Amino acid sequence: MSDTPSSPILLFDSGVGGLTVYDALREVLPDAPVIYAADLAGLPYGTKTETQIATRVAGLLGRMAERYQPRLACIACNTASTIALGMVRDVLEIPVVGTVPAIKPAAAQTVTGTIGLVGTGATIRQAYVDDLERQFAQGKRLLRIAAPGLVDAAEVKLRGKSVDPALIAEVRDGLAAMPGGADIDTLVLACTHFPLLSDELAAAFGPKVRQVDGAAGIARRIAHLLEGQRFAAGGAPNRFIVTGPITGADGLEAALGARGFGAAEAF
């Protein structure tokens, strides 16, 4: 582990969804140098098997930790975290923070007792989610729906293109058709990509449905683990790393520039 002031935080995601975690992190650690790694060559994760995801994420993070010497790694991806977090912690010798569906705060907020959970197919079927439901949502109704199309929609939106409203409507209608679906008043965004679509989701679900995601909680956890550590004066430049062809980051220039990242680099 590198503990020099220029040692970065490594944020890892399948694509650009983890930028929602980056935005929250900047609120609590404005000077921390960040390397954001987007596994665009592996996107999407939600359609892969558990074995494929676990081996890919652990292998990539092992190599990235060796190359970039981060002080902490964050798996800013619900799918990867629910499947591979334990394996990654076994591989790396630095703190590793995961991302889990925000069922606990949703259960505390709901008035009707009915919660919608929108995630990838791989996330919503995990026993980890079952455990969170048993632990924090006893007596509540948790309705889960897979929305793999929203991952692509978020990737498209961050590149400045419009989102097909039919994709959002399909998720809304799918939840509404489930027993008790009409009573949903809280929506768990169980994929870091989905807060990028908060405006579209709000328009589709209406003002009575509150959205909950885990970005702020993850940022607070990272800040707690790094409490007392020094960061380089003025902050080291942020880096945005992608797997696969560098052209995969085409269209992200404005979104990256607004967050202090330079041009995308190939891993």
C-alpha atoms as a PDB file:
ATOM      1  CA  MET A   1       0.000   0.000   0.000  1.00  0.00           C
ATOM      2  CA  SER A   2       1.209   3.480  -0.869  1.00  0.00           C
ATOM      3  CA  ASP A   3       0.522   6.172   1.710  1.00  0.00           C
ATOM      4  CA  THR A   4       2.235   9.099  -0.017  1.00  0.00           C
ATOM      5  CA  PRO A   5       0.127  12.267  -0.381  1.00  0.00           C
ATOM      6  CA  SER A   6      -0.156  11.657  -4.133  1.00  0.00           C
ATOM      7  CA  SER A   7      -1.365   8.072  -3.701  1.00  0.00           C
ATOM      8  CA  PRO A   8      -4.794   7.840  -5.373  1.00  0.00           C
ATOM      9  CA  ILE A   9      -8.160   6.391  -4.534  1.00  0.00           C
ATOM     10  CA  LEU A  10      -9.070   3.798  -7.162  1.00  0.00           C
ATOM     11  CA  LEU A  11     -12.736   3.860  -8.202  1.00  0.00           C
ATOM     12  CA  PHE A  12     -13.714   0.868 -10.336  1.00  0.00           C
ATOM     13  CA  ASP A  13     -16.906   0.260 -12.313  1.00  0.00           C
ATOM     14  CA  SER A  14     -18.048  -1.543 -15.428  1.00  0.00           C
ATOM     15  CA  GLY A  15     -18.711   1.840 -17.049  1.00  0.00           C
ATOM     16  CA  VAL A  16     -19.520   5.415 -16.068  1.00  0.00           C
ATOM     17  CA  GLY A  17     -22.028   4.677 -13.289  1.00  0.00           C
ATOM     18  CA  GLY A  18     -19.360   4.995 -10.622  1.00  0.00           C
ATOM     19  CA  LEU A  19     -19.076   8.687 -11.466  1.00  0.00           C
ATOM     20  CA  THR A  20     -22.141   9.095  -9.229  1.00  0.00           C
ATOM     21  CA  VAL A  21     -19.959   7.799  -6.378  1.00  0.00           C
ATOM     22  CA  TYR A  22     -17.135  10.106  -7.493  1.00  0.00           C
ATOM     23  CA  ASP A  23     -19.491  13.098  -7.311  1.00  0.00           C
ATOM     24  CA  ALA A  24     -20.462  12.178  -3.742  1.00  0.00           C
ATOM     25  CA  LEU A  25     -16.823  11.552  -2.822  1.00  0.00           C
ATOM     26  CA  ARG A  26     -15.848  15.025  -3.962  1.00  0.00           C
ATOM     27  CA  GLU A  27     -18.288  16.473  -1.416  1.00  0.00           C
ATOM     28  CA  VAL A  28     -16.377  14.916   1.492  1.00  0.00           C
ATOM     29  CA  LEU A  29     -12.821  14.569   0.095  1.00  0.00           C
ATOM     30  CA  PRO A  30     -12.388  17.430  -2.383  1.00  0.00           C
ATOM     31  CA  ASP A  31      -8.594  17.123  -2.605  1.00  0.00           C
ATOM     32  CA  ALA A  32      -8.156  13.364  -2.852  1.00  0.00           C
ATOM     33  CA  PRO A  33      -6.493  12.216  -6.104  1.00  0.00           C
ATOM     34  CA  VAL A  34      -8.701   9.731  -7.927  1.00  0.00           C
ATOM     35  CA  ILE A  35      -8.060   7.183 -10.652  1.00  0.00           C
ATOM     36  CA  TYR A  36     -11.360   6.098 -12.158  1.00  0.00           C
ATOM     37  CA  ALA A  37     -11.240   2.771 -13.983  1.00  0.00           C
ATOM     38  CA  ALA A  38     -14.082   1.920 -16.359  1.00  0.00           C
ATOM     39  CA  ASP A  39     -14.123  -1.668 -17.579  1.00  0.00           C
ATOM     40  CA  LEU A  40     -15.756  -0.776 -20.879  1.00  0.00           C
ATOM     41  CA  ALA A  41     -14.400  -3.963 -22.459  1.00  0.00           C
ATOM     42  CA  GLY A  42     -16.422  -5.961 -19.934  1.00  0.00           C
ATOM     43  CA  LEU A  43     -19.621  -3.879 -20.031  1.00  0.00           C
ATOM     44  CA  PRO A  44     -22.332  -4.910 -19.242  1.00  0.00           C
ATOM     45  CA  TYR A  45     -21.794  -7.022 -16.133  1.00  0.00           C
ATOM     46  CA  GLY A  46     -25.471  -7.715 -15.488  1.00  0.00           C
ATOM     47  CA  THR A  47     -25.702 -10.335 -18.236  1.00  0.00           C
ATOM     48  CA  LYS A  48     -22.577 -12.243 -17.165  1.00  0.00           C
ATOM     49  CA  THR A  49     -22.371 -15.244 -14.857  1.00  0.00           C
ATOM     50  CA  GLU A  50     -21.186 -14.915 -11.276  1.00  0.00           C
ATOM     51  CA  THR A  51     -17.976 -16.782 -12.107  1.00  0.00           C
ATOM     52  CA  GLN A  52     -17.214 -14.523 -15.066  1.00  0.00           C
ATOM     53  CA  ILE A  53     -17.748 -11.389 -12.983  1.00  0.00           C
ATOM     54  CA  ALA A  54     -15.773 -12.565  -9.960  1.00  0.00           C
ATOM     55  CA  THR A  55     -12.721 -13.674 -11.901  1.00  0.00           C
ATOM     56  CA  ARG A  56     -12.708 -10.617 -14.157  1.00  0.00           C
ATOM     57  CA  VAL A  57     -13.116  -8.039 -11.384  1.00  0.00           C
ATOM     58  CA  ALA A  58     -10.593  -9.660  -9.032  1.00  0.00           C
ATOM     59  CA  GLY A  59      -8.055 -10.051 -11.838  1.00  0.00           C
ATOM     60  CA  LEU A  60      -8.402  -6.489 -13.092  1.00  0.00           C
ATOM     61  CA  LEU A  61      -8.278  -4.919  -9.645  1.00  0.00           C
ATOM     62  CA  GLY A  62      -5.231  -6.966  -8.739  1.00  0.00           C
ATOM     63  CA  ARG A  63      -3.372  -5.679 -11.797  1.00  0.00           C
ATOM     64  CA  MET A  64      -4.615  -2.116 -11.337  1.00  0.00           C
ATOM     65  CA  ALA A  65      -3.580  -2.030  -7.682  1.00  0.00           C
ATOM     66  CA  GLU A  66      -0.101  -3.208  -8.665  1.00  0.00           C
ATOM     67  CA  ARG A  67       0.211  -0.573 -11.394  1.00  0.00           C
ATOM     68  CA  TYR A  68      -1.338   2.472  -9.677  1.00  0.00           C
ATOM     69  CA  GLN A  69      -0.511   1.772  -5.997  1.00  0.00           C
ATOM     70  CA  PRO A  70      -3.778   3.175  -4.603  1.00  0.00           C
ATOM     71  CA  ARG A  71      -4.363   3.821  -0.918  1.00  0.00           C
ATOM     72  CA  LEU A  72      -7.917   2.429  -1.171  1.00  0.00           C
ATOM     73  CA  ALA A  73     -10.074   0.773  -3.821  1.00  0.00           C
ATOM     74  CA  CYS A  74     -13.812   1.194  -4.226  1.00  0.00           C
ATOM     75  CA  ILE A  75     -15.899  -1.154  -6.344  1.00  0.00           C
ATOM     76  CA  ALA A  76     -18.433   1.448  -7.457  1.00  0.00           C
ATOM     77  CA  CYS A  77     -20.683  -1.189  -8.999  1.00  0.00           C
ATOM     78  CA  ASN A  78     -23.491  -3.058  -7.257  1.00  0.00           C
ATOM     79  CA  THR A  79     -23.246  -6.148  -9.469  1.00  0.00           C
ATOM     80  CA  ALA A  80     -19.490  -6.540  -9.003  1.00  0.00           C
ATOM     81  CA  SER A  81     -19.706  -5.835  -5.275  1.00  0.00           C
ATOM     82  CA  THR A  82     -22.468  -8.311  -4.484  1.00  0.00           C
ATOM     83  CA  ILE A  83     -20.526 -11.035  -6.312  1.00  0.00           C
ATOM     84  CA  ALA A  84     -16.800 -10.276  -6.094  1.00  0.00           C
ATOM     85  CA  LEU A  85     -16.189  -8.100  -3.023  1.00  0.00           C
ATOM     86  CA  GLY A  86     -14.959 -10.945  -0.820  1.00  0.00           C
ATOM     87  CA  MET A  87     -12.594 -12.257  -3.482  1.00  0.00           C
ATOM     88  CA  VAL A  88     -11.179  -8.782  -4.162  1.00  0.00           C
ATOM     89  CA  ARG A  89     -10.547  -8.221  -0.460  1.00  0.00           C
ATOM     90  CA  ASP A  90      -8.607 -11.489  -0.420  1.00  0.00           C
ATOM     91  CA  VAL A  91      -6.489 -10.328  -3.375  1.00  0.00           C
ATOM     92  CA  LEU A  92      -5.708  -6.733  -2.361  1.00  0.00           C
ATOM     93  CA  GLU A  93      -3.733  -5.569   0.662  1.00  0.00           C
ATOM     94  CA  ILE A  94      -5.515  -2.227   0.914  1.00  0.00           C
ATOM     95  CA  PRO A  95      -8.995  -1.285   2.184  1.00  0.00           C
ATOM     96  CA  VAL A  96     -11.722  -2.186  -0.325  1.00  0.00           C
ATOM     97  CA  VAL A  97     -15.126  -0.511  -0.162  1.00  0.00           C
ATOM     98  CA  GLY A  98     -18.069  -2.078  -1.933  1.00  0.00           C
ATOM     99  CA  THR A  99     -21.438  -0.869  -3.128  1.00  0.00           C
ATOM    100  CA  VAL A 100     -24.630  -2.553  -1.969  1.00  0.00           C
ATOM    101  CA  PRO A 101     -28.297  -1.773  -2.668  1.00  0.00           C
ATOM    102  CA  ALA A 102     -29.601   0.928  -0.309  1.00  0.00           C
ATOM    103  CA  ILE A 103     -32.328  -1.271   1.179  1.00  0.00           C
ATOM    104  CA  LYS A 104     -31.695  -0.150   4.769  1.00  0.00           C
ATOM    105  CA  PRO A 105     -32.351   3.585   4.192  1.00  0.00           C
ATOM    106  CA  ALA A 106     -35.246   2.773   1.863  1.00  0.00           C
ATOM    107  CA  ALA A 107     -36.908   0.652   4.546  1.00  0.00           C
ATOM    108  CA  ALA A 108     -36.494   3.511   7.025  1.00  0.00           C
ATOM    109  CA  GLN A 109     -38.104   6.009   4.638  1.00  0.00           C
ATOM    110  CA  THR A 110     -41.046   4.127   3.162  1.00  0.00           C
ATOM    111  CA  VAL A 111     -44.484   5.067   4.462  1.00  0.00           C
ATOM    112  CA  THR A 112     -46.531   2.534   2.497  1.00  0.00           C
ATOM    113  CA  GLY A 113     -44.105  -0.281   3.280  1.00  0.00           C
ATOM    114  CA  THR A 114     -43.669  -1.097  -0.414  1.00  0.00           C
ATOM    115  CA  ILE A 115     -40.265  -0.571  -2.002  1.00  0.00           C
ATOM    116  CA  GLY A 116     -39.212  -0.983  -5.618  1.00  0.00           C
ATOM    117  CA  LEU A 117     -35.672  -2.145  -6.347  1.00  0.00           C
ATOM    118  CA  VAL A 118     -34.232  -1.575  -9.809  1.00  0.00           C
ATOM    119  CA  GLY A 119     -30.972  -3.315 -10.656  1.00  0.00           C
ATOM    120  CA  THR A 120     -29.232  -5.540 -13.153  1.00  0.00           C
ATOM    121  CA  GLY A 121     -30.316  -9.135 -13.570  1.00  0.00           C
ATOM    122  CA  ALA A 122     -27.173 -10.329 -11.807  1.00  0.00           C
ATOM    123  CA  THR A 123     -27.693  -8.029  -8.816  1.00  0.00           C
ATOM    124  CA  ILE A 124     -31.340  -8.707  -8.061  1.00  0.00           C
ATOM    125  CA  ARG A 125     -30.863 -12.485  -7.923  1.00  0.00           C
ATOM    126  CA  GLN A 126     -28.017 -12.428  -5.392  1.00  0.00           C
ATOM    127  CA  ALA A 127     -28.375 -14.002  -1.957  1.00  0.00           C
ATOM    128  CA  TYR A 128     -26.639 -10.861  -0.657  1.00  0.00           C
ATOM    129  CA  VAL A 129     -29.775  -8.900  -1.574  1.00  0.00           C
ATOM    130  CA  ASP A 130     -31.956 -11.533   0.109  1.00  0.00           C
ATOM    131  CA  ASP A 131     -29.870 -11.079   3.261  1.00  0.00           C
ATOM    132  CA  LEU A 132     -30.248  -7.282   3.158  1.00  0.00           C
ATOM    133  CA  GLU A 133     -34.002  -7.681   2.772  1.00  0.00           C
ATOM    134  CA  ARG A 134     -34.203 -10.052   5.769  1.00  0.00           C
ATOM    135  CA  GLN A 135     -31.982  -7.836   7.882  1.00  0.00           C
ATOM    136  CA  PHE A 136     -33.434  -4.416   7.151  1.00  0.00           C
ATOM    137  CA  ALA A 137     -36.814  -4.788   5.438  1.00  0.00           C
ATOM    138  CA  GLN A 138     -38.670  -7.194   7.700  1.00  0.00           C
ATOM    139  CA  GLY A 139     -42.381  -6.513   7.377  1.00  0.00           C
ATOM    140  CA  LYS A 140     -41.894  -4.526   4.166  1.00  0.00           C
ATOM    141  CA  ARG A 141     -42.628  -5.551   0.598  1.00  0.00           C
ATOM    142  CA  LEU A 142     -39.578  -5.401  -1.693  1.00  0.00           C
ATOM    143  CA  LEU A 143     -40.377  -5.684  -5.398  1.00  0.00           C
ATOM    144  CA  ARG A 144     -37.338  -6.310  -7.609  1.00  0.00           C
ATOM    145  CA  ILE A 145     -37.025  -5.708 -11.318  1.00  0.00           C
ATOM    146  CA  ALA A 146     -34.098  -6.162 -13.700  1.00  0.00           C
ATOM    147  CA  ALA A 147     -33.504  -3.158 -15.930  1.00  0.00           C
ATOM    148  CA  PRO A 148     -30.390  -3.897 -17.974  1.00  0.00           C
ATOM    149  CA  GLY A 149     -31.440  -1.372 -20.607  1.00  0.00           C
ATOM    150  CA  LEU A 150     -30.984   1.466 -18.134  1.00  0.00           C
ATOM    151  CA  VAL A 151     -27.242   0.812 -17.929  1.00  0.00           C
ATOM    152  CA  ASP A 152     -26.902   1.530 -21.624  1.00  0.00           C
ATOM    153  CA  ALA A 153     -29.281   4.499 -21.286  1.00  0.00           C
ATOM    154  CA  ALA A 154     -27.083   6.059 -18.605  1.00  0.00           C
ATOM    155  CA  GLU A 155     -23.961   5.497 -20.696  1.00  0.00           C
ATOM    156  CA  VAL A 156     -25.687   7.187 -23.628  1.00  0.00           C
ATOM    157  CA  LYS A 157     -26.958  10.119 -21.542  1.00  0.00           C
ATOM    158  CA  LEU A 158     -23.524  10.933 -20.147  1.00  0.00           C
ATOM    159  CA  ARG A 159     -22.286  11.107 -23.719  1.00  0.00           C
ATOM    160  CA  GLY A 160     -24.803  13.862 -24.409  1.00  0.00           C
ATOM    161  CA  LYS A 161     -27.461  11.836 -26.210  1.00  0.00           C
ATOM    162  CA  SER A 162     -31.148  11.499 -25.400  1.00  0.00           C
ATOM    163  CA  VAL A 163     -32.655   8.619 -23.458  1.00  0.00           C
ATOM    164  CA  ASP A 164     -35.529   6.585 -24.918  1.00  0.00           C
ATOM    165  CA  PRO A 165     -38.494   7.253 -22.570  1.00  0.00           C
ATOM    166  CA  ALA A 166     -39.867   3.795 -23.405  1.00  0.00           C
ATOM    167  CA  LEU A 167     -37.005   2.211 -21.431  1.00  0.00           C
ATOM    168  CA  ILE A 168     -38.008   4.091 -18.285  1.00  0.00           C
ATOM    169  CA  ALA A 169     -41.711   3.449 -18.840  1.00  0.00           C
ATOM    170  CA  GLU A 170     -41.050  -0.273 -19.190  1.00  0.00           C
ATOM    171  CA  VAL A 171     -39.466  -0.369 -15.734  1.00  0.00           C
ATOM    172  CA  ARG A 172     -42.284   1.670 -14.182  1.00  0.00           C
ATOM    173  CA  ASP A 173     -44.971  -0.478 -15.772  1.00  0.00           C
ATOM    174  CA  GLY A 174     -43.189  -3.697 -14.831  1.00  0.00           C
ATOM    175  CA  LEU A 175     -43.108  -2.750 -11.160  1.00  0.00           C
ATOM    176  CA  ALA A 176     -46.683  -1.444 -11.234  1.00  0.00           C
ATOM    177  CA  ALA A 177     -47.895  -4.776 -12.616  1.00  0.00           C
ATOM    178  CA  MET A 178     -46.507  -6.712  -9.641  1.00  0.00           C
ATOM    179  CA  PRO A 179     -48.803  -7.462  -6.681  1.00  0.00           C
ATOM    180  CA  GLY A 180     -48.701  -4.319  -4.533  1.00  0.00           C
ATOM    181  CA  GLY A 181     -46.784  -2.381  -7.156  1.00  0.00           C
ATOM    182  CA  ALA A 182     -49.213   0.523  -7.068  1.00  0.00           C
ATOM    183  CA  ASP A 183     -48.151   1.198  -3.449  1.00  0.00           C
ATOM    184  CA  ILE A 184     -44.456   1.785  -4.178  1.00  0.00           C
ATOM    185  CA  ASP A 185     -43.326   5.052  -2.586  1.00  0.00           C
ATOM    186  CA  THR A 186     -39.569   4.409  -2.484  1.00  0.00           C
ATOM    187  CA  LEU A 187     -37.314   3.300  -5.335  1.00  0.00           C
ATOM    188  CA  VAL A 188     -33.902   1.771  -4.634  1.00  0.00           C
ATOM    189  CA  LEU A 189     -31.487   2.488  -7.482  1.00  0.00           C
ATOM    190  CA  ALA A 190     -29.389  -0.674  -7.101  1.00  0.00           C
ATOM    191  CA  CYS A 191     -26.910   0.210  -9.839  1.00  0.00           C
ATOM    192  CA  THR A 192     -24.544   3.174  -9.718  1.00  0.00           C
ATOM    193  CA  HIS A 193     -25.523   4.010 -13.299  1.00  0.00           C
ATOM    194  CA  PHE A 194     -29.138   4.669 -12.395  1.00  0.00           C
ATOM    195  CA  PRO A 195     -28.820   7.978 -10.471  1.00  0.00           C
ATOM    196  CA  LEU A 196     -27.618   9.445 -13.786  1.00  0.00           C
ATOM    197  CA  LEU A 197     -31.223   8.887 -14.904  1.00  0.00           C
ATOM    198  CA  SER A 198     -32.851  10.424 -11.813  1.00  0.00           C
ATOM    199  CA  ASP A 199     -34.674  13.100 -13.802  1.00  0.00           C
ATOM    200  CA  GLU A 200     -36.124  10.569 -16.241  1.00  0.00           C
ATOM    201  CA  LEU A 201     -37.113   8.227 -13.418  1.00  0.00           C
ATOM    202  CA  ALA A 202     -38.768  11.063 -11.485  1.00  0.00           C
ATOM    203  CA  ALA A 203     -40.778  12.042 -14.551  1.00  0.00           C
ATOM    204  CA  ALA A 204     -41.956   8.462 -15.046  1.00  0.00           C
ATOM    205  CA  PHE A 205     -42.702   7.527 -11.421  1.00  0.00           C
ATOM    206  CA  GLY A 206     -44.027  10.890 -10.270  1.00  0.00           C
ATOM    207  CA  PRO A 207     -43.345  13.055  -7.213  1.00  0.00           C
ATOM    208  CA  LYS A 208     -44.733  10.570  -4.670  1.00  0.00           C
ATOM    209  CA  VAL A 209     -41.914   8.071  -5.279  1.00  0.00           C
ATOM    210  CA  ARG A 210     -38.595   8.902  -3.604  1.00  0.00           C
ATOM    211  CA  GLN A 211     -35.337   7.627  -5.072  1.00  0.00           C
ATOM    212  CA  VAL A 212     -32.640   6.170  -2.817  1.00  0.00           C
ATOM    213  CA  ASP A 213     -29.075   5.252  -3.783  1.00  0.00           C
ATOM    214  CA  GLY A 214     -25.927   4.479  -1.868  1.00  0.00           C
ATOM    215  CA  ALA A 215     -23.440   7.025  -3.245  1.00  0.00           C
ATOM    216  CA  ALA A 216     -23.352   9.357  -0.241  1.00  0.00           C
ATOM    217  CA  GLY A 217     -22.986   6.458   2.185  1.00  0.00           C
ATOM    218  CA  ILE A 218     -20.118   4.993   0.181  1.00  0.00           C
ATOM    219  CA  ALA A 219     -18.370   8.371   0.125  1.00  0.00           C
ATOM    220  CA  ARG A 220     -18.718   8.715   3.902  1.00  0.00           C
ATOM    221  CA  ARG A 221     -17.288   5.222   4.364  1.00  0.00           C
ATOM    222  CA  ILE A 222     -14.256   6.043   2.205  1.00  0.00           C
ATOM    223  CA  ALA A 223     -13.691   9.309   4.077  1.00  0.00           C
ATOM    224  CA  HIS A 224     -13.877   7.478   7.410  1.00  0.00           C
ATOM    225  CA  LEU A 225     -11.315   4.866   6.345  1.00  0.00           C
ATOM    226  CA  LEU A 226      -8.927   7.594   5.120  1.00  0.00           C
ATOM    227  CA  GLU A 227      -9.398   9.886   8.107  1.00  0.00           C
ATOM    228  CA  GLY A 228      -6.144  11.579   9.049  1.00  0.00           C
ATOM    229  CA  GLN A 229      -4.355  10.740   5.800  1.00  0.00           C
ATOM    230  CA  ARG A 230      -2.612  13.489   3.832  1.00  0.00           C
ATOM    231  CA  PHE A 231      -3.365  14.439   0.238  1.00  0.00           C
ATOM    232  CA  ALA A 232      -1.064  16.312  -2.112  1.00  0.00           C
ATOM    233  CA  ALA A 233      -1.429  20.094  -1.928  1.00  0.00           C
ATOM    234  CA  GLY A 234      -3.690  21.302  -4.699  1.00  0.00           C
ATOM    235  CA  GLY A 235      -4.708  17.747  -5.462  1.00  0.00           C
ATOM    236  CA  ALA A 236      -3.039  15.448  -7.976  1.00  0.00           C
ATOM    237  CA  PRO A 237      -4.715  15.332 -11.398  1.00  0.00           C
ATOM    238  CA  ASN A 238      -7.531  12.833 -11.767  1.00  0.00           C
ATOM    239  CA  ARG A 239      -7.104  10.063 -14.323  1.00  0.00           C
ATOM    240  CA  PHE A 240      -9.811   8.196 -16.245  1.00  0.00           C
ATOM    241  CA  ILE A 241      -8.717   4.721 -17.348  1.00  0.00           C
ATOM    242  CA  VAL A 242     -10.634   2.411 -19.683  1.00  0.00           C
ATOM    243  CA  THR A 243     -10.216  -1.220 -20.682  1.00  0.00           C
ATOM    244  CA  GLY A 244     -10.578  -2.067 -24.341  1.00  0.00           C
ATOM    245  CA  PRO A 245     -10.310   0.430 -27.204  1.00  0.00           C
ATOM    246  CA  ILE A 246      -9.851   4.041 -26.101  1.00  0.00           C
ATOM    247  CA  THR A 247     -12.639   4.968 -28.523  1.00  0.00           C
ATOM    248  CA  GLY A 248     -15.033   3.473 -25.974  1.00  0.00           C
ATOM    249  CA  ALA A 249     -14.736   6.760 -24.081  1.00  0.00           C
ATOM    250  CA  ASP A 250     -15.709   8.880 -27.082  1.00  0.00           C
ATOM    251  CA  GLY A 251     -18.394  11.390 -26.169  1.00  0.00           C
ATOM    252  CA  LEU A 252     -17.462  11.542 -22.489  1.00  0.00           C
ATOM    253  CA  GLU A 253     -15.154  14.547 -22.828  1.00  0.00           C
ATOM    254  CA  ALA A 254     -17.589  17.105 -21.391  1.00  0.00           C
ATOM    255  CA  ALA A 255     -18.657  14.906 -18.463  1.00  0.00           C
ATOM    256  CA  LEU A 256     -15.051  14.073 -17.611  1.00  0.00           C
ATOM    257  CA  GLY A 257     -13.796  17.629 -18.007  1.00  0.00           C
ATOM    258  CA  ALA A 258     -16.500  18.925 -15.680  1.00  0.00           C
ATOM    259  CA  ARG A 259     -15.217  16.515 -13.021  1.00  0.00           C
ATOM    260  CA  GLY A 260     -11.561  17.411 -13.391  1.00  0.00           C
ATOM    261  CA  PHE A 261     -10.484  14.402 -15.438  1.00  0.00           C
ATOM    262  CA  GLY A 262      -8.127  14.665 -18.361  1.00  0.00           C
ATOM    263  CA  ALA A 263      -8.422  12.692 -21.575  1.00  0.00           C
ATOM    264  CA  ALA A 264      -9.255   9.016 -21.195  1.00  0.00           C
ATOM    265  CA  GLU A 265      -6.289   6.618 -21.057  1.00  0.00           C
ATOM    266  CA  ALA A 266      -6.094   2.963 -22.042  1.00  0.00           C
ATOM    267  CA  PHE A 267      -5.310   0.372 -19.361  1.00  0.00           C
END
